[in-house]
Protein backbone atom coordinates (compact mmCIF):
# COMPACT_ATOMS: atom_id res chain seq x y z
CA UNK A 1 97.01 86.03 95.43
CA UNK A 2 95.78 88.82 97.47
CA UNK A 3 95.25 87.65 101.17
CA UNK A 4 92.95 89.41 103.44
CA UNK A 5 93.27 88.71 107.00
CA UNK A 6 90.00 87.86 109.11
CA UNK A 7 90.51 88.74 112.76
CA UNK A 8 86.78 88.21 113.51
CA UNK A 9 86.27 91.78 114.41
CA UNK A 10 86.28 93.35 110.66
CA UNK A 11 83.95 93.64 107.80
CA UNK A 12 85.68 91.74 104.96
CA UNK A 13 82.90 92.00 102.30
CA UNK A 14 83.64 95.50 100.94
CA UNK A 15 87.38 95.12 101.05
CA UNK A 16 87.48 91.44 99.16
CA UNK A 17 84.73 92.67 96.70
CA UNK A 18 87.11 95.78 95.78
CA UNK A 19 90.09 93.46 95.27
CA UNK A 20 87.80 90.89 93.13
CA UNK A 21 86.37 93.77 91.18
CA UNK A 22 89.98 94.78 90.53
CA UNK A 23 90.43 91.57 88.60
CA UNK A 24 92.84 89.98 91.46
CA UNK A 25 92.11 86.57 93.36
CA UNK A 26 91.99 86.74 96.93
CA UNK A 27 91.88 84.17 100.05
CA UNK A 28 90.63 85.14 103.33
CA UNK A 29 93.23 84.12 105.90
CA UNK A 30 92.23 83.47 109.60
CA UNK A 31 94.84 83.43 112.30
CA UNK A 32 94.62 79.64 112.70
CA UNK A 33 95.94 79.39 109.01
CA UNK A 34 99.44 80.70 109.10
CA UNK A 35 100.55 78.63 106.58
CA UNK A 36 98.64 80.47 103.94
CA UNK A 37 100.95 83.21 104.28
CA UNK A 38 103.64 81.01 102.07
CA UNK A 39 101.04 81.27 99.12
CA UNK A 40 100.00 84.87 98.75
CA UNK A 41 101.94 87.74 97.21
CA UNK A 42 100.28 90.56 99.15
CA UNK A 43 98.25 90.89 102.69
CA UNK A 44 95.66 93.40 103.65
CA UNK A 45 94.65 93.73 107.17
CA UNK A 46 91.24 95.63 107.05
CA UNK A 47 90.08 97.53 110.21
CA UNK A 48 86.58 97.94 111.69
CA UNK A 49 86.25 98.11 115.58
CA UNK A 50 88.67 98.99 118.30
CA UNK A 51 92.58 98.62 118.65
CA UNK A 52 92.01 96.72 121.84
CA UNK A 53 89.71 94.11 120.44
CA UNK A 54 91.85 93.55 117.25
CA UNK A 55 95.02 93.11 119.30
CA UNK A 56 93.27 90.82 121.71
CA UNK A 57 92.04 88.58 118.78
CA UNK A 58 95.23 88.63 116.89
CA UNK A 59 97.62 87.82 120.10
CA UNK A 60 95.62 84.79 120.85
CA UNK A 61 97.38 83.03 118.15
CA UNK A 62 101.07 83.98 118.52
CA UNK A 63 102.60 81.63 115.84
CA UNK A 64 100.67 83.67 113.26
CA UNK A 65 102.56 86.49 114.20
CA UNK A 66 105.80 84.76 114.12
CA UNK A 67 104.86 83.98 110.47
CA UNK A 68 103.95 87.35 109.53
CA UNK A 69 107.18 88.87 110.70
CA UNK A 70 108.94 86.31 108.28
CA UNK A 71 106.33 87.53 105.54
CA UNK A 72 107.21 90.94 105.93
CA UNK A 73 110.87 90.18 106.51
CA UNK A 74 110.95 88.46 102.84
CA UNK A 75 109.96 92.11 101.47
CA UNK A 76 106.13 90.87 100.53
CA UNK A 77 103.83 93.84 100.79
CA UNK A 78 101.43 94.38 103.68
CA UNK A 79 98.64 96.85 103.84
CA UNK A 80 96.69 98.17 106.86
CA UNK A 81 93.23 100.01 106.36
CA UNK A 82 92.04 102.29 108.92
CA UNK A 83 92.13 100.27 112.24
CA UNK A 84 94.32 97.85 110.52
CA UNK A 85 96.69 100.82 109.58
CA UNK A 86 96.71 101.52 113.25
CA UNK A 87 97.42 98.09 114.21
CA UNK A 88 100.85 98.54 112.48
CA UNK A 89 102.01 100.69 115.41
CA UNK A 90 103.83 99.72 118.32
CA UNK A 91 100.87 100.03 120.78
CA UNK A 92 97.47 101.60 121.16
CA UNK A 93 95.66 103.49 123.84
CA UNK A 94 91.99 102.85 122.56
CA UNK A 95 90.05 101.64 125.83
CA UNK A 96 93.61 100.15 127.25
CA UNK A 97 96.85 99.92 126.43
CA UNK A 98 97.52 97.26 123.98
CA UNK A 99 100.10 95.96 121.90
CA UNK A 100 100.37 96.30 117.93
CA UNK A 101 102.27 94.76 115.24
CA UNK A 102 105.32 97.11 115.70
CA UNK A 103 106.05 97.17 112.04
CA UNK A 104 105.75 101.25 112.41
CA UNK A 105 107.50 102.97 115.33
CA UNK A 106 104.18 104.65 116.55
CA UNK A 107 101.58 104.92 118.93
CA UNK A 108 97.75 105.29 118.46
CA UNK A 109 95.70 107.60 120.41
CA UNK A 110 92.53 109.75 120.29
CA UNK A 111 92.53 112.36 117.77
CA UNK A 112 92.34 116.21 119.03
CA UNK A 113 88.90 118.16 119.00
CA UNK A 114 88.10 121.58 119.78
CA UNK A 115 84.54 120.86 121.39
CA UNK A 116 82.95 122.36 118.41
CA UNK A 117 80.45 121.02 116.12
CA UNK A 118 82.89 121.40 113.19
CA UNK A 119 85.32 118.75 114.69
CA UNK A 120 83.39 116.05 116.42
CA UNK A 121 84.63 112.57 116.63
CA UNK A 122 84.46 110.35 114.89
CA UNK A 123 85.98 112.10 111.91
CA UNK A 124 83.58 110.69 109.45
CA UNK A 125 83.19 111.52 105.47
CA UNK A 126 85.43 112.72 102.63
CA UNK A 127 88.70 114.67 103.07
CA UNK A 128 91.79 115.41 101.17
CA UNK A 129 95.27 113.86 101.48
CA UNK A 130 98.32 115.92 101.01
CA UNK A 131 100.89 114.02 99.39
CA UNK A 132 104.30 114.57 100.92
CA UNK A 133 106.75 112.32 99.17
CA UNK A 134 106.91 110.44 95.65
CA UNK A 135 105.89 106.90 95.85
CA UNK A 136 104.69 104.51 93.15
CA UNK A 137 101.63 103.75 95.57
CA UNK A 138 100.44 107.34 94.16
CA UNK A 139 100.71 106.53 90.57
CA UNK A 140 97.23 108.05 88.91
CA UNK A 141 96.32 109.74 92.23
CA UNK A 142 96.55 113.75 92.17
CA UNK A 143 97.66 115.53 95.26
CA UNK A 144 94.55 116.62 97.32
CA UNK A 145 92.40 113.82 95.88
CA UNK A 146 89.24 113.09 98.17
CA UNK A 147 89.17 109.55 100.31
CA UNK A 148 86.55 108.40 102.75
CA UNK A 149 87.57 108.22 106.48
CA UNK A 150 85.73 106.86 109.60
CA UNK A 151 87.67 107.00 112.51
CA UNK A 152 88.26 108.80 116.13
CA UNK A 153 91.98 107.78 116.72
CA UNK A 154 95.06 108.54 114.78
CA UNK A 155 98.63 107.33 114.48
CA UNK A 156 101.37 109.21 116.09
CA UNK A 157 104.67 108.63 114.35
CA UNK A 158 107.91 108.50 116.17
CA UNK A 159 109.76 108.90 112.85
CA UNK A 160 108.49 111.25 110.12
CA UNK A 161 110.48 109.15 107.41
CA UNK A 162 107.35 106.85 107.39
CA UNK A 163 104.94 110.01 106.79
CA UNK A 164 103.87 109.82 103.24
CA UNK A 165 100.63 111.87 103.09
CA UNK A 166 98.70 113.60 105.95
CA UNK A 167 95.07 115.06 106.12
CA UNK A 168 93.67 117.84 108.08
CA UNK A 169 90.89 117.55 110.82
CA UNK A 170 91.50 120.48 113.18
CA UNK A 171 95.21 119.49 113.11
CA UNK A 172 97.28 117.20 110.68
CA UNK A 173 97.23 113.53 111.18
CA UNK A 174 98.83 110.59 109.06
CA UNK A 175 96.61 109.48 106.49
CA UNK A 176 99.40 107.25 104.57
CA UNK A 177 102.34 105.66 106.20
CA UNK A 178 104.94 103.64 104.48
CA UNK A 179 107.93 101.65 105.81
CA UNK A 180 109.64 99.82 102.99
CA UNK A 181 106.88 97.18 102.13
CA UNK A 182 104.54 98.04 104.90
CA UNK A 183 101.59 100.32 103.89
CA UNK A 184 99.21 102.05 106.09
CA UNK A 185 95.82 104.00 104.68
CA UNK A 186 93.94 105.81 107.38
CA UNK A 187 91.23 106.25 104.92
CA UNK A 188 89.02 103.26 103.28
CA UNK A 189 90.06 102.75 99.66
CA UNK A 190 87.29 100.29 99.26
CA UNK A 191 84.88 103.09 99.85
CA UNK A 192 86.70 105.83 98.08
CA UNK A 193 85.39 105.56 94.74
CA UNK A 194 87.75 105.83 91.46
CA UNK A 195 90.64 107.18 93.63
CA UNK A 196 90.31 104.31 96.31
CA UNK A 197 90.26 101.64 93.61
CA UNK A 198 93.29 103.04 92.07
CA UNK A 199 95.39 103.41 95.05
CA UNK A 200 94.18 99.92 96.02
CA UNK A 201 95.36 98.78 92.50
CA UNK A 202 98.46 100.16 92.89
CA UNK A 203 99.08 98.25 96.16
CA UNK A 204 97.86 94.82 94.70
CA UNK A 205 100.31 95.48 91.63
CA UNK A 206 103.36 96.18 93.79
CA UNK A 207 106.21 93.68 92.71
CA UNK A 208 107.87 91.71 95.49
């Protein structure tokens, strides 16, 4: 069973539809439903909105975070998508300084631009990922494959051991980060055609 976390600031439809179409059962989990974490094998945190808003909504229910830490410590896979990936970091600086999940030693801040028409924010559209390290999450994914991005902020890693793929938009930024059983995709796999569905399927097939 794939859990999809609903923080009331995310669009769940495309992610849940992608998971369902890949042949997996899913359950939408609200932060009042921390007991559901015991019943799922994988958890996805979708992301649409701002870091400050997702942090505010999430930490309204601190007991859920205690259970999520237990979930991760059991070795169960966790995936953050787009803003969900950024929320895996220690803290973010979108609008105000806000607390993250602290599963990845990183901060989140505005991407670099050069004030030209070539590199406006947000970064929207198809872009390549450069795979830096082998991992089973990349099964069936060729290097320099294209995925769909929509974001203005980036994850700034404190430890490049967590950097598994990067993408260039003026400068390189992390597009896939991994810390053991915690995964982050800066792109939207659910909107990235065959490559996106394949990498999402790879996550859902990870063994606990």
